[in-house]
């Protein structure tokens, strides 16, 4: 290995270590320098280590600080760009479980018992994705917590717009004690099943978009890597200060494009009906 390469590795390694310890010092509240400094967990995660390693390696190989920062940022955001859509799948599973639990609650209520007794009776057999939330609701009722308050906490535990519709119907019945709860739960279960089918179709379309994002990002990164390895002379203009400024613009364009593509694959759901409103400050 050439002496210049070893010198560059030492310089960039020392610079990276200095930045690392500076970040630790800034992010450690009320540090007592008489005690050993413990790095926060998010600073010693494998993703941080991988981003630093790739950034330093890119800096050594290319001598381009912009490329080093871009490579480190790409590694840091890689899980977000290459997301597998686990959260939407979990939401679909919870919605399916909610529909099943609503149907079972309807069947239990058909035995002419009240909600206070029907909800704990469904807890042991609740579908797995929402069993913990249903069991917590049953525990609140056993602790003599008022039914409307327990149901509101149940809605916050589920944190789903479709669940809010079911919980709102239960809360109205708990306050008014009117008839027709079984028919209402039947309609809500049917509505949840219809929304479940719609979410599955939407998620299938988003899955295709996420696959497209992976292909575009992979092809772009692979093309740049092959170009640097097979025809490095083509990239010599980036060795100058002006070239680095141009690379900043190119990197910003690609970064914005990747973020836009990823945003197309994810969409915000509808707002919750029973969301907690932020406290209003007095004028």
C-alpha atoms as a PDB file:
ATOM      1  CA  UNK A   1       0.000   0.000   0.000  1.00  0.00           C
ATOM      2  CA  UNK A   2       1.340   3.450  -0.926  1.00  0.00           C
ATOM      3  CA  UNK A   3       2.433   5.877   1.733  1.00  0.00           C
ATOM      4  CA  UNK A   4      -0.076   8.449   0.466  1.00  0.00           C
ATOM      5  CA  UNK A   5      -2.901   5.958   0.886  1.00  0.00           C
ATOM      6  CA  UNK A   6      -1.805   5.107   4.432  1.00  0.00           C
ATOM      7  CA  UNK A   7      -1.561   8.813   5.240  1.00  0.00           C
ATOM      8  CA  UNK A   8      -5.051   9.434   3.850  1.00  0.00           C
ATOM      9  CA  UNK A   9      -6.465   6.551   5.884  1.00  0.00           C
ATOM     10  CA  UNK A  10      -4.874   7.943   9.044  1.00  0.00           C
ATOM     11  CA  UNK A  11      -6.062  11.500   8.380  1.00  0.00           C
ATOM     12  CA  UNK A  12      -9.650  10.556   7.569  1.00  0.00           C
ATOM     13  CA  UNK A  13      -9.748   8.029  10.389  1.00  0.00           C
ATOM     14  CA  UNK A  14      -8.606  10.631  12.881  1.00  0.00           C
ATOM     15  CA  UNK A  15     -11.073  13.166  11.494  1.00  0.00           C
ATOM     16  CA  UNK A  16     -13.909  10.651  11.769  1.00  0.00           C
ATOM     17  CA  UNK A  17     -12.969   9.794  15.354  1.00  0.00           C
ATOM     18  CA  UNK A  18     -12.846  13.499  16.250  1.00  0.00           C
ATOM     19  CA  UNK A  19     -16.293  14.090  14.779  1.00  0.00           C
ATOM     20  CA  UNK A  20     -17.563  10.994  16.585  1.00  0.00           C
ATOM     21  CA  UNK A  21     -16.372  12.081  20.015  1.00  0.00           C
ATOM     22  CA  UNK A  22     -17.553  15.650  19.404  1.00  0.00           C
ATOM     23  CA  UNK A  23     -21.039  14.338  18.642  1.00  0.00           C
ATOM     24  CA  UNK A  24     -20.970  12.205  21.783  1.00  0.00           C
ATOM     25  CA  UNK A  25     -19.914  15.189  23.869  1.00  0.00           C
ATOM     26  CA  UNK A  26     -22.647  17.395  22.426  1.00  0.00           C
ATOM     27  CA  UNK A  27     -25.399  14.802  22.777  1.00  0.00           C
ATOM     28  CA  UNK A  28     -24.493  13.667  26.310  1.00  0.00           C
ATOM     29  CA  UNK A  29     -26.547  15.858  28.680  1.00  0.00           C
ATOM     30  CA  UNK A  30     -24.772  17.282  31.705  1.00  0.00           C
ATOM     31  CA  UNK A  31     -21.642  15.240  31.102  1.00  0.00           C
ATOM     32  CA  UNK A  32     -19.441  14.677  34.119  1.00  0.00           C
ATOM     33  CA  UNK A  33     -15.917  14.462  32.699  1.00  0.00           C
ATOM     34  CA  UNK A  34     -14.668  12.801  35.882  1.00  0.00           C
ATOM     35  CA  UNK A  35     -16.623   9.696  34.908  1.00  0.00           C
ATOM     36  CA  UNK A  36     -16.296   7.514  31.833  1.00  0.00           C
ATOM     37  CA  UNK A  37     -18.493   8.802  29.018  1.00  0.00           C
ATOM     38  CA  UNK A  38     -21.110   6.293  27.932  1.00  0.00           C
ATOM     39  CA  UNK A  39     -22.141   6.689  24.348  1.00  0.00           C
ATOM     40  CA  UNK A  40     -25.882   6.852  23.702  1.00  0.00           C
ATOM     41  CA  UNK A  41     -27.289   3.664  22.198  1.00  0.00           C
ATOM     42  CA  UNK A  42     -28.311   5.348  18.937  1.00  0.00           C
ATOM     43  CA  UNK A  43     -24.684   6.462  18.391  1.00  0.00           C
ATOM     44  CA  UNK A  44     -23.206   2.972  18.636  1.00  0.00           C
ATOM     45  CA  UNK A  45     -25.776   1.146  16.542  1.00  0.00           C
ATOM     46  CA  UNK A  46     -24.585  -1.051  13.660  1.00  0.00           C
ATOM     47  CA  UNK A  47     -26.158   1.359  11.185  1.00  0.00           C
ATOM     48  CA  UNK A  48     -24.061   4.266  12.518  1.00  0.00           C
ATOM     49  CA  UNK A  49     -20.914   2.133  12.363  1.00  0.00           C
ATOM     50  CA  UNK A  50     -21.717   1.050   8.804  1.00  0.00           C
ATOM     51  CA  UNK A  51     -22.401   4.641   7.709  1.00  0.00           C
ATOM     52  CA  UNK A  52     -19.101   5.836   9.191  1.00  0.00           C
ATOM     53  CA  UNK A  53     -17.157   2.950   7.680  1.00  0.00           C
ATOM     54  CA  UNK A  54     -18.619   3.447   4.207  1.00  0.00           C
ATOM     55  CA  UNK A  55     -18.142   7.206   4.406  1.00  0.00           C
ATOM     56  CA  UNK A  56     -14.501   6.883   5.460  1.00  0.00           C
ATOM     57  CA  UNK A  57     -13.860   4.206   2.846  1.00  0.00           C
ATOM     58  CA  UNK A  58     -15.361   6.393   0.125  1.00  0.00           C
ATOM     59  CA  UNK A  59     -13.258   9.335   1.300  1.00  0.00           C
ATOM     60  CA  UNK A  60     -10.064   7.271   1.128  1.00  0.00           C
ATOM     61  CA  UNK A  61     -10.825   5.830  -2.306  1.00  0.00           C
ATOM     62  CA  UNK A  62     -12.115   8.971  -4.025  1.00  0.00           C
ATOM     63  CA  UNK A  63     -10.663  11.885  -1.971  1.00  0.00           C
ATOM     64  CA  UNK A  64     -14.095  13.504  -2.409  1.00  0.00           C
ATOM     65  CA  UNK A  65     -15.641  14.791   0.823  1.00  0.00           C
ATOM     66  CA  UNK A  66     -19.025  15.239  -0.863  1.00  0.00           C
ATOM     67  CA  UNK A  67     -19.019  11.626  -2.032  1.00  0.00           C
ATOM     68  CA  UNK A  68     -18.032  10.473   1.472  1.00  0.00           C
ATOM     69  CA  UNK A  69     -20.940  12.365   3.056  1.00  0.00           C
ATOM     70  CA  UNK A  70     -23.339  11.127   0.376  1.00  0.00           C
ATOM     71  CA  UNK A  71     -22.239   7.502   0.820  1.00  0.00           C
ATOM     72  CA  UNK A  72     -22.601   7.705   4.585  1.00  0.00           C
ATOM     73  CA  UNK A  73     -26.043   9.298   4.267  1.00  0.00           C
ATOM     74  CA  UNK A  74     -27.102   6.613   1.786  1.00  0.00           C
ATOM     75  CA  UNK A  75     -26.137   3.855   4.220  1.00  0.00           C
ATOM     76  CA  UNK A  76     -27.918   5.656   7.074  1.00  0.00           C
ATOM     77  CA  UNK A  77     -31.171   6.035   5.092  1.00  0.00           C
ATOM     78  CA  UNK A  78     -30.879   2.657   3.354  1.00  0.00           C
ATOM     79  CA  UNK A  79     -33.418   0.857   5.609  1.00  0.00           C
ATOM     80  CA  UNK A  80     -35.945   3.621   4.914  1.00  0.00           C
ATOM     81  CA  UNK A  81     -35.352   3.555   1.149  1.00  0.00           C
ATOM     82  CA  UNK A  82     -35.456  -0.229   1.025  1.00  0.00           C
ATOM     83  CA  UNK A  83     -38.359  -0.572   3.489  1.00  0.00           C
ATOM     84  CA  UNK A  84     -40.244  -3.841   3.252  1.00  0.00           C
ATOM     85  CA  UNK A  85     -43.678  -2.428   4.137  1.00  0.00           C
ATOM     86  CA  UNK A  86     -43.864  -4.289   7.452  1.00  0.00           C
ATOM     87  CA  UNK A  87     -45.894  -1.509   9.099  1.00  0.00           C
ATOM     88  CA  UNK A  88     -48.721  -1.596   6.494  1.00  0.00           C
ATOM     89  CA  UNK A  89     -48.861  -5.387   6.744  1.00  0.00           C
ATOM     90  CA  UNK A  90     -49.116  -5.167  10.520  1.00  0.00           C
ATOM     91  CA  UNK A  91     -51.918  -2.602  10.182  1.00  0.00           C
ATOM     92  CA  UNK A  92     -53.796  -4.932   7.827  1.00  0.00           C
ATOM     93  CA  UNK A  93     -53.388  -7.830  10.252  1.00  0.00           C
ATOM     94  CA  UNK A  94     -54.684  -5.683  13.116  1.00  0.00           C
ATOM     95  CA  UNK A  95     -57.677  -4.563  11.056  1.00  0.00           C
ATOM     96  CA  UNK A  96     -58.516  -8.180  10.218  1.00  0.00           C
ATOM     97  CA  UNK A  97     -58.205  -9.073  13.911  1.00  0.00           C
ATOM     98  CA  UNK A  98     -60.432  -6.135  14.840  1.00  0.00           C
ATOM     99  CA  UNK A  99     -63.126  -7.307  12.441  1.00  0.00           C
ATOM    100  CA  UNK A 100     -62.985 -10.799  13.930  1.00  0.00           C
ATOM    101  CA  UNK A 101     -63.132  -9.453  17.490  1.00  0.00           C
ATOM    102  CA  UNK A 102     -66.108  -7.237  16.613  1.00  0.00           C
ATOM    103  CA  UNK A 103     -67.965 -10.252  15.260  1.00  0.00           C
ATOM    104  CA  UNK A 104     -67.204 -12.290  18.370  1.00  0.00           C
ATOM    105  CA  UNK A 105     -68.339  -9.403  20.592  1.00  0.00           C
ATOM    106  CA  UNK A 106     -71.562  -9.223  18.620  1.00  0.00           C
ATOM    107  CA  UNK A 107     -72.155 -12.935  19.183  1.00  0.00           C
ATOM    108  CA  UNK A 108     -71.484 -12.640  22.923  1.00  0.00           C
ATOM    109  CA  UNK A 109     -73.820  -9.669  23.264  1.00  0.00           C
ATOM    110  CA  UNK A 110     -76.519 -11.755  21.599  1.00  0.00           C
ATOM    111  CA  UNK A 111     -76.689 -13.618  24.910  1.00  0.00           C
ATOM    112  CA  UNK A 112     -78.375 -10.534  26.431  1.00  0.00           C
ATOM    113  CA  UNK A 113     -75.428  -9.570  28.658  1.00  0.00           C
ATOM    114  CA  UNK A 114     -73.977  -6.090  29.029  1.00  0.00           C
ATOM    115  CA  UNK A 115     -70.761  -4.733  27.600  1.00  0.00           C
ATOM    116  CA  UNK A 116     -69.093  -4.839  31.012  1.00  0.00           C
ATOM    117  CA  UNK A 117     -69.452  -8.621  30.967  1.00  0.00           C
ATOM    118  CA  UNK A 118     -69.178  -9.251  27.215  1.00  0.00           C
ATOM    119  CA  UNK A 119     -65.787  -7.588  26.697  1.00  0.00           C
ATOM    120  CA  UNK A 120     -63.882  -9.601  29.367  1.00  0.00           C
ATOM    121  CA  UNK A 121     -65.504 -12.767  28.012  1.00  0.00           C
ATOM    122  CA  UNK A 122     -63.951 -12.158  24.581  1.00  0.00           C
ATOM    123  CA  UNK A 123     -60.448 -11.361  25.873  1.00  0.00           C
ATOM    124  CA  UNK A 124     -59.039 -14.929  26.129  1.00  0.00           C
ATOM    125  CA  UNK A 125     -60.074 -15.759  22.557  1.00  0.00           C
ATOM    126  CA  UNK A 126     -59.275 -12.387  20.936  1.00  0.00           C
ATOM    127  CA  UNK A 127     -57.174 -12.589  17.743  1.00  0.00           C
ATOM    128  CA  UNK A 128     -53.444 -12.496  18.413  1.00  0.00           C
ATOM    129  CA  UNK A 129     -52.656  -9.090  16.790  1.00  0.00           C
ATOM    130  CA  UNK A 130     -54.966  -7.258  19.241  1.00  0.00           C
ATOM    131  CA  UNK A 131     -55.144  -9.721  22.136  1.00  0.00           C
ATOM    132  CA  UNK A 132     -52.883  -7.629  24.349  1.00  0.00           C
ATOM    133  CA  UNK A 133     -55.027  -4.513  23.864  1.00  0.00           C
ATOM    134  CA  UNK A 134     -58.250  -6.426  24.519  1.00  0.00           C
ATOM    135  CA  UNK A 135     -56.793  -7.995  27.665  1.00  0.00           C
ATOM    136  CA  UNK A 136     -55.753  -4.567  28.949  1.00  0.00           C
ATOM    137  CA  UNK A 137     -59.291  -3.340  28.305  1.00  0.00           C
ATOM    138  CA  UNK A 138     -60.669  -6.276  30.276  1.00  0.00           C
ATOM    139  CA  UNK A 139     -58.268  -5.552  33.140  1.00  0.00           C
ATOM    140  CA  UNK A 140     -59.421  -1.935  33.274  1.00  0.00           C
ATOM    141  CA  UNK A 141     -63.029  -3.074  33.515  1.00  0.00           C
ATOM    142  CA  UNK A 142     -62.191  -5.546  36.284  1.00  0.00           C
ATOM    143  CA  UNK A 143     -60.493  -2.665  38.132  1.00  0.00           C
ATOM    144  CA  UNK A 144     -63.855  -0.800  38.098  1.00  0.00           C
ATOM    145  CA  UNK A 145     -62.706   1.840  35.636  1.00  0.00           C
ATOM    146  CA  UNK A 146     -65.704   3.536  33.953  1.00  0.00           C
ATOM    147  CA  UNK A 147     -66.539   1.876  30.660  1.00  0.00           C
ATOM    148  CA  UNK A 148     -66.279   5.042  28.482  1.00  0.00           C
ATOM    149  CA  UNK A 149     -62.827   5.875  29.887  1.00  0.00           C
ATOM    150  CA  UNK A 150     -61.634   2.292  29.455  1.00  0.00           C
ATOM    151  CA  UNK A 151     -62.877   2.238  25.872  1.00  0.00           C
ATOM    152  CA  UNK A 152     -61.119   5.531  25.120  1.00  0.00           C
ATOM    153  CA  UNK A 153     -57.852   4.075  26.418  1.00  0.00           C
ATOM    154  CA  UNK A 154     -58.524   0.983  24.301  1.00  0.00           C
ATOM    155  CA  UNK A 155     -58.820   3.185  21.198  1.00  0.00           C
ATOM    156  CA  UNK A 156     -55.511   4.867  22.040  1.00  0.00           C
ATOM    157  CA  UNK A 157     -53.869   1.452  22.426  1.00  0.00           C
ATOM    158  CA  UNK A 158     -55.095   0.323  19.008  1.00  0.00           C
ATOM    159  CA  UNK A 159     -54.310   3.697  17.363  1.00  0.00           C
ATOM    160  CA  UNK A 160     -56.250   2.922  14.186  1.00  0.00           C
ATOM    161  CA  UNK A 161     -59.017   4.936  12.441  1.00  0.00           C
ATOM    162  CA  UNK A 162     -61.137   1.828  11.833  1.00  0.00           C
ATOM    163  CA  UNK A 163     -60.854   0.835  15.491  1.00  0.00           C
ATOM    164  CA  UNK A 164     -62.094   4.309  16.464  1.00  0.00           C
ATOM    165  CA  UNK A 165     -65.388   3.645  14.664  1.00  0.00           C
ATOM    166  CA  UNK A 166     -65.979   0.461  16.645  1.00  0.00           C
ATOM    167  CA  UNK A 167     -64.933   2.049  19.933  1.00  0.00           C
ATOM    168  CA  UNK A 168     -67.089   5.124  19.290  1.00  0.00           C
ATOM    169  CA  UNK A 169     -70.143   2.890  18.820  1.00  0.00           C
ATOM    170  CA  UNK A 170     -69.347   1.074  22.062  1.00  0.00           C
ATOM    171  CA  UNK A 171     -68.856   4.373  23.905  1.00  0.00           C
ATOM    172  CA  UNK A 172     -72.219   5.699  22.697  1.00  0.00           C
ATOM    173  CA  UNK A 173     -73.945   2.522  23.814  1.00  0.00           C
ATOM    174  CA  UNK A 174     -72.164   2.676  27.186  1.00  0.00           C
ATOM    175  CA  UNK A 175     -73.473   6.213  27.750  1.00  0.00           C
ATOM    176  CA  UNK A 176     -76.974   5.913  26.269  1.00  0.00           C
ATOM    177  CA  UNK A 177     -77.684   2.230  26.999  1.00  0.00           C
ATOM    178  CA  UNK A 178     -79.848   2.127  23.875  1.00  0.00           C
ATOM    179  CA  UNK A 179     -80.886  -0.881  21.784  1.00  0.00           C
ATOM    180  CA  UNK A 180     -79.408  -1.889  18.446  1.00  0.00           C
ATOM    181  CA  UNK A 181     -75.817  -2.463  19.528  1.00  0.00           C
ATOM    182  CA  UNK A 182     -75.696  -5.922  17.978  1.00  0.00           C
ATOM    183  CA  UNK A 183     -76.916  -4.611  14.613  1.00  0.00           C
ATOM    184  CA  UNK A 184     -74.405  -1.752  14.813  1.00  0.00           C
ATOM    185  CA  UNK A 185     -71.516  -4.129  15.526  1.00  0.00           C
ATOM    186  CA  UNK A 186     -72.627  -6.320  12.627  1.00  0.00           C
ATOM    187  CA  UNK A 187     -72.535  -3.308  10.291  1.00  0.00           C
ATOM    188  CA  UNK A 188     -69.143  -2.213  11.650  1.00  0.00           C
ATOM    189  CA  UNK A 189     -67.681  -5.680  11.180  1.00  0.00           C
ATOM    190  CA  UNK A 190     -68.912  -5.716   7.576  1.00  0.00           C
ATOM    191  CA  UNK A 191     -67.444  -2.247   7.024  1.00  0.00           C
ATOM    192  CA  UNK A 192     -64.115  -3.375   8.489  1.00  0.00           C
ATOM    193  CA  UNK A 193     -64.059  -6.357   6.120  1.00  0.00           C
ATOM    194  CA  UNK A 194     -64.706  -4.052   3.144  1.00  0.00           C
ATOM    195  CA  UNK A 195     -61.934  -1.696   4.241  1.00  0.00           C
ATOM    196  CA  UNK A 196     -59.654  -4.694   4.714  1.00  0.00           C
ATOM    197  CA  UNK A 197     -60.126  -5.666   1.068  1.00  0.00           C
ATOM    198  CA  UNK A 198     -59.472  -2.074  -0.021  1.00  0.00           C
ATOM    199  CA  UNK A 199     -56.284  -1.824   2.066  1.00  0.00           C
ATOM    200  CA  UNK A 200     -54.989  -5.066   0.603  1.00  0.00           C
ATOM    201  CA  UNK A 201     -55.483  -3.765  -2.945  1.00  0.00           C
ATOM    202  CA  UNK A 202     -53.781  -0.471  -2.083  1.00  0.00           C
ATOM    203  CA  UNK A 203     -50.897  -2.253  -0.388  1.00  0.00           C
ATOM    204  CA  UNK A 204     -50.396  -4.438  -3.479  1.00  0.00           C
ATOM    205  CA  UNK A 205     -49.953  -1.277  -5.549  1.00  0.00           C
ATOM    206  CA  UNK A 206     -47.546   0.230  -3.011  1.00  0.00           C
ATOM    207  CA  UNK A 207     -45.531  -2.978  -2.994  1.00  0.00           C
ATOM    208  CA  UNK A 208     -44.909  -2.542  -6.725  1.00  0.00           C
ATOM    209  CA  UNK A 209     -43.784   1.050  -6.086  1.00  0.00           C
ATOM    210  CA  UNK A 210     -41.381  -0.064  -3.336  1.00  0.00           C
ATOM    211  CA  UNK A 211     -39.913  -2.649  -5.689  1.00  0.00           C
ATOM    212  CA  UNK A 212     -39.396   0.077  -8.279  1.00  0.00           C
ATOM    213  CA  UNK A 213     -37.608   2.238  -5.702  1.00  0.00           C
ATOM    214  CA  UNK A 214     -35.226  -0.613  -4.856  1.00  0.00           C
ATOM    215  CA  UNK A 215     -34.452  -1.200  -8.535  1.00  0.00           C
ATOM    216  CA  UNK A 216     -33.825   2.484  -9.288  1.00  0.00           C
ATOM    217  CA  UNK A 217     -31.615   3.037  -6.242  1.00  0.00           C
ATOM    218  CA  UNK A 218     -29.697  -0.188  -6.850  1.00  0.00           C
ATOM    219  CA  UNK A 219     -29.098   0.534 -10.528  1.00  0.00           C
ATOM    220  CA  UNK A 220     -27.996   4.113  -9.803  1.00  0.00           C
ATOM    221  CA  UNK A 221     -25.548   3.140  -7.066  1.00  0.00           C
ATOM    222  CA  UNK A 222     -24.252   0.183  -9.078  1.00  0.00           C
ATOM    223  CA  UNK A 223     -23.714   2.327 -12.177  1.00  0.00           C
ATOM    224  CA  UNK A 224     -21.729   4.918 -10.216  1.00  0.00           C
ATOM    225  CA  UNK A 225     -19.623   2.199  -8.608  1.00  0.00           C
ATOM    226  CA  UNK A 226     -18.856   0.497 -11.936  1.00  0.00           C
ATOM    227  CA  UNK A 227     -18.035   3.821 -13.557  1.00  0.00           C
ATOM    228  CA  UNK A 228     -15.586   4.678 -10.782  1.00  0.00           C
ATOM    229  CA  UNK A 229     -13.977   1.224 -10.978  1.00  0.00           C
ATOM    230  CA  UNK A 230     -13.772   0.789 -14.784  1.00  0.00           C
ATOM    231  CA  UNK A 231     -13.343   4.339 -16.070  1.00  0.00           C
ATOM    232  CA  UNK A 232     -12.111   6.538 -13.237  1.00  0.00           C
ATOM    233  CA  UNK A 233     -10.598   9.042 -15.683  1.00  0.00           C
ATOM    234  CA  UNK A 234     -14.118  10.036 -16.685  1.00  0.00           C
ATOM    235  CA  UNK A 235     -14.665  11.320 -13.137  1.00  0.00           C
ATOM    236  CA  UNK A 236     -11.415  13.327 -12.893  1.00  0.00           C
ATOM    237  CA  UNK A 237     -13.215  16.719 -13.240  1.00  0.00           C
ATOM    238  CA  UNK A 238     -14.766  16.086  -9.809  1.00  0.00           C
ATOM    239  CA  UNK A 239     -11.303  16.251  -8.218  1.00  0.00           C
ATOM    240  CA  UNK A 240     -11.397  20.054  -8.314  1.00  0.00           C
ATOM    241  CA  UNK A 241     -13.217  22.388  -5.946  1.00  0.00           C
ATOM    242  CA  UNK A 242     -15.646  23.334  -8.710  1.00  0.00           C
ATOM    243  CA  UNK A 243     -16.240  19.668  -9.387  1.00  0.00           C
ATOM    244  CA  UNK A 244     -17.136  19.112  -5.740  1.00  0.00           C
ATOM    245  CA  UNK A 245     -19.637  21.977  -5.919  1.00  0.00           C
ATOM    246  CA  UNK A 246     -21.189  20.360  -8.982  1.00  0.00           C
ATOM    247  CA  UNK A 247     -21.253  17.032  -7.161  1.00  0.00           C
ATOM    248  CA  UNK A 248     -23.185  18.689  -4.332  1.00  0.00           C
ATOM    249  CA  UNK A 249     -25.898  19.644  -6.832  1.00  0.00           C
ATOM    250  CA  UNK A 250     -25.923  16.206  -8.469  1.00  0.00           C
ATOM    251  CA  UNK A 251     -26.123  14.482  -5.083  1.00  0.00           C
ATOM    252  CA  UNK A 252     -28.937  16.791  -3.959  1.00  0.00           C
ATOM    253  CA  UNK A 253     -30.948  16.021  -7.109  1.00  0.00           C
ATOM    254  CA  UNK A 254     -30.556  12.272  -6.688  1.00  0.00           C
ATOM    255  CA  UNK A 255     -31.311  12.486  -2.966  1.00  0.00           C
ATOM    256  CA  UNK A 256     -34.498  14.466  -3.619  1.00  0.00           C
ATOM    257  CA  UNK A 257     -35.518  12.003  -6.325  1.00  0.00           C
ATOM    258  CA  UNK A 258     -34.980   9.013  -4.022  1.00  0.00           C
ATOM    259  CA  UNK A 259     -36.961  10.697  -1.245  1.00  0.00           C
ATOM    260  CA  UNK A 260     -39.783  11.538  -3.663  1.00  0.00           C
ATOM    261  CA  UNK A 261     -39.932   7.974  -4.959  1.00  0.00           C
ATOM    262  CA  UNK A 262     -40.060   6.650  -1.428  1.00  0.00           C
ATOM    263  CA  UNK A 263     -42.826   9.112  -0.538  1.00  0.00           C
ATOM    264  CA  UNK A 264     -44.877   7.746  -3.438  1.00  0.00           C
ATOM    265  CA  UNK A 265     -44.647   4.263  -1.922  1.00  0.00           C
ATOM    266  CA  UNK A 266     -45.928   5.478   1.454  1.00  0.00           C
ATOM    267  CA  UNK A 267     -49.107   7.417   2.083  1.00  0.00           C
ATOM    268  CA  UNK A 268     -50.653   8.827   5.215  1.00  0.00           C
ATOM    269  CA  UNK A 269     -53.785   7.097   6.417  1.00  0.00           C
ATOM    270  CA  UNK A 270     -57.020   8.832   7.367  1.00  0.00           C
ATOM    271  CA  UNK A 271     -57.080  10.815  10.623  1.00  0.00           C
ATOM    272  CA  UNK A 272     -58.332   9.140  13.763  1.00  0.00           C
ATOM    273  CA  UNK A 273     -61.842   9.907  14.943  1.00  0.00           C
ATOM    274  CA  UNK A 274     -60.891   9.710  18.629  1.00  0.00           C
ATOM    275  CA  UNK A 275     -57.434  11.271  18.397  1.00  0.00           C
ATOM    276  CA  UNK A 276     -56.343  13.217  21.456  1.00  0.00           C
ATOM    277  CA  UNK A 277     -56.447  16.924  20.698  1.00  0.00           C
ATOM    278  CA  UNK A 278     -53.421  18.987  21.765  1.00  0.00           C
ATOM    279  CA  UNK A 279     -53.967  21.152  24.779  1.00  0.00           C
ATOM    280  CA  UNK A 280     -54.788  24.745  23.933  1.00  0.00           C
ATOM    281  CA  UNK A 281     -52.698  27.389  25.591  1.00  0.00           C
ATOM    282  CA  UNK A 282     -54.431  30.363  27.098  1.00  0.00           C
ATOM    283  CA  UNK A 283     -53.967  33.627  25.161  1.00  0.00           C
END
